Amino acid sequence: MRADLTRRSVLAATALTVPLVAAGCKGVGGLGTLPKAAPDVAVLHHAIATEQALITRYHAALAGSPGLAGTLGPLLAQHREHLARLTSMLIVPATPRATPRPSPTATAAVSTVPWTR
């Protein structure tokens, strides 16, 4: 009786594993269409791109005026921490095509805007 239970367990596990393995061969697409990203994902991407642009601006300001390191250093650290928190909230699928990155032109356009007071 014990051998029969083991044989049934193996057969059941095999029957459940075959569809998963077959779907794995097709990648994530084998499981069906990917769900559409929620609107707040776009907001999160925009916030990440904005923080990256701000960090780039701080680096440029520090490169041009190293004497401002005492003033801008703590602010730069806060922006890096904020960027880390934002990126930790973003869940990116493992597929290469689904890893959105801000375009260099968009980041450059944001980072070339002069400071306003």
N, C-alpha and C. Protein backbone atom coordinates (compact mmCIF):
# COMPACT_ATOMS: atom_id res chain seq x y z
N MET A 1 0.82 -1.19 0.00
CA MET A 1 0.00 0.00 0.00
C MET A 1 0.87 1.25 0.00
N ARG A 2 1.94 1.25 0.76
CA ARG A 2 2.83 2.42 0.84
C ARG A 2 3.49 2.68 -0.51
N ALA A 3 3.88 1.65 -1.25
CA ALA A 3 4.51 1.81 -2.56
C ALA A 3 3.52 2.40 -3.55
N ASP A 4 2.25 2.01 -3.46
CA ASP A 4 1.22 2.54 -4.33
C ASP A 4 0.99 4.03 -4.07
N LEU A 5 1.01 4.43 -2.80
CA LEU A 5 0.85 5.84 -2.45
C LEU A 5 2.02 6.67 -3.00
N THR A 6 3.20 6.17 -2.91
CA THR A 6 4.36 6.86 -3.45
C THR A 6 4.27 6.97 -4.96
N ARG A 7 3.86 5.88 -5.62
CA ARG A 7 3.74 5.90 -7.08
C ARG A 7 2.69 6.93 -7.49
N ARG A 8 1.58 6.99 -6.77
CA ARG A 8 0.54 7.98 -7.06
C ARG A 8 1.05 9.40 -6.85
N SER A 9 1.81 9.59 -5.80
CA SER A 9 2.37 10.92 -5.53
C SER A 9 3.28 11.36 -6.65
N VAL A 10 4.11 10.44 -7.12
CA VAL A 10 5.04 10.76 -8.21
C VAL A 10 4.26 11.07 -9.48
N LEU A 11 3.26 10.27 -9.79
CA LEU A 11 2.46 10.51 -10.99
C LEU A 11 1.71 11.84 -10.89
N ALA A 12 1.16 12.15 -9.73
CA ALA A 12 0.44 13.41 -9.56
C ALA A 12 1.38 14.60 -9.68
N ALA A 13 2.55 14.48 -9.07
CA ALA A 13 3.52 15.57 -9.16
C ALA A 13 3.98 15.76 -10.60
N THR A 14 4.16 14.67 -11.33
CA THR A 14 4.57 14.76 -12.73
C THR A 14 3.47 15.41 -13.55
N ALA A 15 2.23 15.02 -13.32
CA ALA A 15 1.11 15.58 -14.07
C ALA A 15 0.97 17.08 -13.82
N LEU A 16 1.28 17.53 -12.61
CA LEU A 16 1.20 18.95 -12.30
C LEU A 16 2.41 19.72 -12.82
N THR A 17 3.54 19.05 -12.93
CA THR A 17 4.77 19.73 -13.32
C THR A 17 4.88 19.93 -14.82
N VAL A 18 4.35 19.01 -15.61
CA VAL A 18 4.48 19.08 -17.08
C VAL A 18 3.95 20.40 -17.64
N PRO A 19 2.73 20.86 -17.28
CA PRO A 19 2.27 22.14 -17.82
C PRO A 19 3.15 23.32 -17.41
N LEU A 20 3.67 23.28 -16.20
CA LEU A 20 4.55 24.36 -15.76
C LEU A 20 5.85 24.37 -16.55
N VAL A 21 6.41 23.20 -16.80
CA VAL A 21 7.65 23.10 -17.58
C VAL A 21 7.38 23.56 -19.02
N ALA A 22 6.24 23.15 -19.58
CA ALA A 22 5.91 23.55 -20.94
C ALA A 22 5.73 25.07 -21.03
N ALA A 23 5.12 25.67 -20.03
CA ALA A 23 4.96 27.12 -20.02
C ALA A 23 6.31 27.79 -19.85
N GLY A 24 7.19 27.19 -19.07
CA GLY A 24 8.53 27.75 -18.87
C GLY A 24 9.34 27.78 -20.15
N CYS A 25 9.13 26.83 -21.04
CA CYS A 25 9.85 26.80 -22.31
C CYS A 25 9.46 27.99 -23.19
N LYS A 26 8.25 28.45 -23.02
CA LYS A 26 7.77 29.59 -23.80
C LYS A 26 8.05 30.91 -23.11
N GLY A 27 8.60 30.85 -21.92
CA GLY A 27 8.85 32.06 -21.17
C GLY A 27 7.58 32.51 -20.48
N VAL A 28 7.57 33.74 -20.06
CA VAL A 28 6.41 34.30 -19.38
C VAL A 28 5.20 34.32 -20.31
N GLY A 29 5.43 34.47 -21.61
CA GLY A 29 4.34 34.49 -22.58
C GLY A 29 3.56 33.19 -22.61
N GLY A 30 4.16 32.08 -22.16
CA GLY A 30 3.46 30.81 -22.13
C GLY A 30 2.34 30.79 -21.11
N LEU A 31 2.36 31.69 -20.18
CA LEU A 31 1.32 31.75 -19.17
C LEU A 31 0.16 32.66 -19.57
N GLY A 32 0.25 33.27 -20.72
CA GLY A 32 -0.81 34.16 -21.19
C GLY A 32 -0.27 35.56 -21.39
N THR A 33 -1.15 36.47 -21.69
CA THR A 33 -0.71 37.85 -21.91
C THR A 33 -0.37 38.50 -20.58
N LEU A 34 0.60 39.37 -20.63
CA LEU A 34 1.00 40.08 -19.43
C LEU A 34 -0.05 41.13 -19.08
N PRO A 35 -0.31 41.33 -17.81
CA PRO A 35 -1.30 42.34 -17.43
C PRO A 35 -0.78 43.73 -17.73
N LYS A 36 -1.70 44.63 -17.98
CA LYS A 36 -1.34 46.01 -18.26
C LYS A 36 -0.89 46.68 -16.95
N ALA A 37 0.14 47.50 -17.05
CA ALA A 37 0.65 48.19 -15.87
C ALA A 37 -0.39 49.17 -15.33
N ALA A 38 -0.45 49.26 -14.02
CA ALA A 38 -1.38 50.18 -13.38
C ALA A 38 -0.91 51.62 -13.62
N PRO A 39 -1.83 52.59 -13.58
CA PRO A 39 -1.44 53.99 -13.82
C PRO A 39 -0.38 54.49 -12.84
N ASP A 40 -0.40 54.00 -11.61
CA ASP A 40 0.59 54.50 -10.66
C ASP A 40 2.00 54.01 -10.98
N VAL A 41 2.13 52.98 -11.83
CA VAL A 41 3.47 52.55 -12.26
C VAL A 41 4.10 53.64 -13.12
N ALA A 42 3.30 54.28 -13.97
CA ALA A 42 3.81 55.38 -14.79
C ALA A 42 4.24 56.54 -13.91
N VAL A 43 3.48 56.81 -12.86
CA VAL A 43 3.84 57.88 -11.92
C VAL A 43 5.15 57.53 -11.23
N LEU A 44 5.30 56.28 -10.84
CA LEU A 44 6.53 55.84 -10.19
C LEU A 44 7.73 55.96 -11.13
N HIS A 45 7.56 55.58 -12.39
CA HIS A 45 8.63 55.72 -13.38
C HIS A 45 9.02 57.20 -13.53
N HIS A 46 8.03 58.07 -13.56
CA HIS A 46 8.30 59.50 -13.70
C HIS A 46 9.06 60.02 -12.48
N ALA A 47 8.65 59.60 -11.29
CA ALA A 47 9.33 60.02 -10.06
C ALA A 47 10.77 59.53 -10.04
N ILE A 48 11.00 58.31 -10.49
CA ILE A 48 12.37 57.76 -10.55
C ILE A 48 13.21 58.57 -11.52
N ALA A 49 12.66 58.86 -12.70
CA ALA A 49 13.40 59.64 -13.70
C ALA A 49 13.72 61.04 -13.17
N THR A 50 12.77 61.63 -12.45
CA THR A 50 12.98 62.97 -11.88
C THR A 50 14.09 62.95 -10.83
N GLU A 51 14.07 61.95 -9.96
CA GLU A 51 15.13 61.83 -8.95
C GLU A 51 16.49 61.62 -9.61
N GLN A 52 16.54 60.79 -10.65
CA GLN A 52 17.81 60.58 -11.36
C GLN A 52 18.31 61.88 -11.98
N ALA A 53 17.39 62.66 -12.53
CA ALA A 53 17.77 63.94 -13.12
C ALA A 53 18.27 64.91 -12.05
N LEU A 54 17.62 64.92 -10.89
CA LEU A 54 18.07 65.79 -9.80
C LEU A 54 19.47 65.39 -9.31
N ILE A 55 19.70 64.11 -9.19
CA ILE A 55 21.01 63.63 -8.77
C ILE A 55 22.07 64.03 -9.79
N THR A 56 21.74 63.93 -11.06
CA THR A 56 22.66 64.36 -12.12
C THR A 56 22.96 65.85 -11.99
N ARG A 57 21.94 66.65 -11.69
CA ARG A 57 22.14 68.10 -11.51
C ARG A 57 23.04 68.40 -10.31
N TYR A 58 22.83 67.67 -9.23
CA TYR A 58 23.68 67.86 -8.05
C TYR A 58 25.13 67.52 -8.37
N HIS A 59 25.35 66.43 -9.09
CA HIS A 59 26.71 66.07 -9.48
C HIS A 59 27.35 67.14 -10.35
N ALA A 60 26.57 67.69 -11.27
CA ALA A 60 27.08 68.76 -12.14
C ALA A 60 27.41 70.00 -11.33
N ALA A 61 26.56 70.34 -10.37
CA ALA A 61 26.81 71.51 -9.54
C ALA A 61 28.05 71.30 -8.68
N LEU A 62 28.22 70.11 -8.13
CA LEU A 62 29.40 69.82 -7.32
C LEU A 62 30.68 69.78 -8.15
N ALA A 63 30.58 69.32 -9.40
CA ALA A 63 31.75 69.32 -10.28
C ALA A 63 32.16 70.74 -10.63
N GLY A 64 31.18 71.62 -10.79
CA GLY A 64 31.47 73.01 -11.13
C GLY A 64 31.88 73.85 -9.94
N SER A 65 31.41 73.51 -8.76
CA SER A 65 31.71 74.27 -7.55
C SER A 65 31.95 73.31 -6.39
N PRO A 66 33.15 72.74 -6.30
CA PRO A 66 33.42 71.78 -5.23
C PRO A 66 33.26 72.37 -3.83
N GLY A 67 33.32 73.69 -3.69
CA GLY A 67 33.16 74.32 -2.39
C GLY A 67 31.75 74.18 -1.82
N LEU A 68 30.80 73.78 -2.67
CA LEU A 68 29.42 73.61 -2.21
C LEU A 68 29.15 72.21 -1.64
N ALA A 69 30.20 71.39 -1.54
CA ALA A 69 30.02 70.00 -1.09
C ALA A 69 29.40 69.95 0.31
N GLY A 70 29.77 70.85 1.18
CA GLY A 70 29.21 70.85 2.53
C GLY A 70 27.72 71.17 2.53
N THR A 71 27.29 72.00 1.60
CA THR A 71 25.88 72.39 1.52
C THR A 71 25.07 71.38 0.72
N LEU A 72 25.60 70.98 -0.44
CA LEU A 72 24.83 70.11 -1.34
C LEU A 72 24.97 68.62 -1.01
N GLY A 73 26.03 68.25 -0.32
CA GLY A 73 26.25 66.83 0.00
C GLY A 73 25.09 66.19 0.75
N PRO A 74 24.61 66.80 1.83
CA PRO A 74 23.47 66.20 2.54
C PRO A 74 22.20 66.13 1.69
N LEU A 75 21.98 67.14 0.85
CA LEU A 75 20.81 67.11 -0.03
C LEU A 75 20.93 66.00 -1.07
N LEU A 76 22.14 65.83 -1.60
CA LEU A 76 22.39 64.76 -2.56
C LEU A 76 22.14 63.40 -1.90
N ALA A 77 22.58 63.26 -0.67
CA ALA A 77 22.35 62.00 0.04
C ALA A 77 20.85 61.73 0.22
N GLN A 78 20.08 62.77 0.50
CA GLN A 78 18.63 62.60 0.65
C GLN A 78 17.99 62.16 -0.66
N HIS A 79 18.45 62.75 -1.79
CA HIS A 79 17.90 62.36 -3.09
C HIS A 79 18.28 60.92 -3.44
N ARG A 80 19.49 60.51 -3.09
CA ARG A 80 19.90 59.12 -3.34
C ARG A 80 19.03 58.16 -2.52
N GLU A 81 18.78 58.51 -1.27
CA GLU A 81 17.93 57.68 -0.41
C GLU A 81 16.51 57.62 -0.98
N HIS A 82 15.99 58.74 -1.43
CA HIS A 82 14.65 58.77 -2.02
C HIS A 82 14.60 57.91 -3.27
N LEU A 83 15.63 58.00 -4.11
CA LEU A 83 15.69 57.18 -5.32
C LEU A 83 15.72 55.69 -4.95
N ALA A 84 16.48 55.34 -3.94
CA ALA A 84 16.53 53.94 -3.51
C ALA A 84 15.16 53.45 -3.03
N ARG A 85 14.44 54.30 -2.29
CA ARG A 85 13.10 53.92 -1.83
C ARG A 85 12.13 53.78 -3.00
N LEU A 86 12.22 54.70 -3.96
CA LEU A 86 11.33 54.63 -5.13
C LEU A 86 11.60 53.37 -5.95
N THR A 87 12.87 53.09 -6.22
CA THR A 87 13.20 51.92 -7.03
C THR A 87 12.86 50.62 -6.30
N SER A 88 12.88 50.63 -4.97
CA SER A 88 12.51 49.42 -4.24
C SER A 88 11.01 49.13 -4.36
N MET A 89 10.21 50.14 -4.67
CA MET A 89 8.77 49.95 -4.83
C MET A 89 8.41 49.43 -6.22
N LEU A 90 9.33 49.54 -7.16
CA LEU A 90 9.06 49.13 -8.53
C LEU A 90 9.40 47.66 -8.70
N ILE A 91 8.44 46.87 -9.10
CA ILE A 91 8.65 45.45 -9.35
C ILE A 91 8.76 45.29 -10.86
N VAL A 92 9.93 44.85 -11.30
CA VAL A 92 10.20 44.72 -12.73
C VAL A 92 10.22 43.24 -13.08
N PRO A 93 9.43 42.80 -14.08
CA PRO A 93 9.48 41.40 -14.51
C PRO A 93 10.87 41.05 -15.03
N ALA A 94 11.17 39.77 -15.06
CA ALA A 94 12.50 39.30 -15.44
C ALA A 94 12.76 39.39 -16.94
N THR A 95 11.76 39.68 -17.76
CA THR A 95 11.98 39.74 -19.20
C THR A 95 12.72 41.02 -19.56
N PRO A 96 13.70 40.96 -20.47
CA PRO A 96 14.47 42.15 -20.82
C PRO A 96 13.64 43.27 -21.43
N ARG A 97 12.59 42.93 -22.17
CA ARG A 97 11.80 43.98 -22.82
C ARG A 97 10.91 44.72 -21.84
N ALA A 98 10.75 44.18 -20.64
CA ALA A 98 9.84 44.80 -19.68
C ALA A 98 10.58 45.64 -18.65
N THR A 99 11.86 45.93 -18.86
CA THR A 99 12.60 46.76 -17.91
C THR A 99 12.70 48.17 -18.47
N PRO A 100 11.68 48.99 -18.24
CA PRO A 100 11.70 50.34 -18.78
C PRO A 100 12.77 51.20 -18.13
N ARG A 101 13.43 51.94 -18.92
CA ARG A 101 14.45 52.87 -18.45
C ARG A 101 14.11 54.24 -19.03
N PRO A 102 14.37 55.28 -18.28
CA PRO A 102 14.13 56.60 -18.86
C PRO A 102 15.07 56.83 -20.03
N SER A 103 14.53 57.43 -21.07
CA SER A 103 15.36 57.65 -22.25
C SER A 103 16.41 58.71 -21.96
N PRO A 104 17.61 58.58 -22.54
CA PRO A 104 18.66 59.58 -22.30
C PRO A 104 18.23 60.98 -22.72
N THR A 105 17.44 61.08 -23.77
CA THR A 105 17.01 62.41 -24.21
C THR A 105 16.06 63.04 -23.22
N ALA A 106 15.18 62.23 -22.61
CA ALA A 106 14.25 62.77 -21.61
C ALA A 106 15.01 63.23 -20.37
N THR A 107 15.98 62.42 -19.94
CA THR A 107 16.78 62.79 -18.78
C THR A 107 17.62 64.01 -19.09
N ALA A 108 18.18 64.07 -20.29
CA ALA A 108 18.99 65.23 -20.67
C ALA A 108 18.13 66.49 -20.75
N ALA A 109 16.91 66.33 -21.25
CA ALA A 109 16.04 67.49 -21.36
C ALA A 109 15.69 68.03 -19.98
N VAL A 110 15.45 67.14 -19.04
CA VAL A 110 15.12 67.57 -17.69
C VAL A 110 16.34 68.19 -17.03
N SER A 111 17.53 67.59 -17.25
CA SER A 111 18.71 68.06 -16.55
C SER A 111 19.29 69.34 -17.16
N THR A 112 18.83 69.76 -18.34
CA THR A 112 19.36 70.98 -18.93
C THR A 112 18.52 72.20 -18.60
N VAL A 113 17.42 71.99 -17.86
CA VAL A 113 16.58 73.13 -17.47
C VAL A 113 17.33 73.95 -16.42
N PRO A 114 17.47 75.25 -16.63
CA PRO A 114 18.22 76.05 -15.67
C PRO A 114 17.48 76.15 -14.33
N TRP A 115 18.24 76.36 -13.28
CA TRP A 115 17.66 76.50 -11.94
C TRP A 115 16.82 77.76 -11.90
N THR A 116 15.68 77.67 -11.29
CA THR A 116 14.83 78.84 -11.12
C THR A 116 14.61 79.08 -9.65
N ARG A 117 14.42 80.29 -9.28
CA ARG A 117 14.16 80.64 -7.88
C ARG A 117 12.83 81.30 -7.76
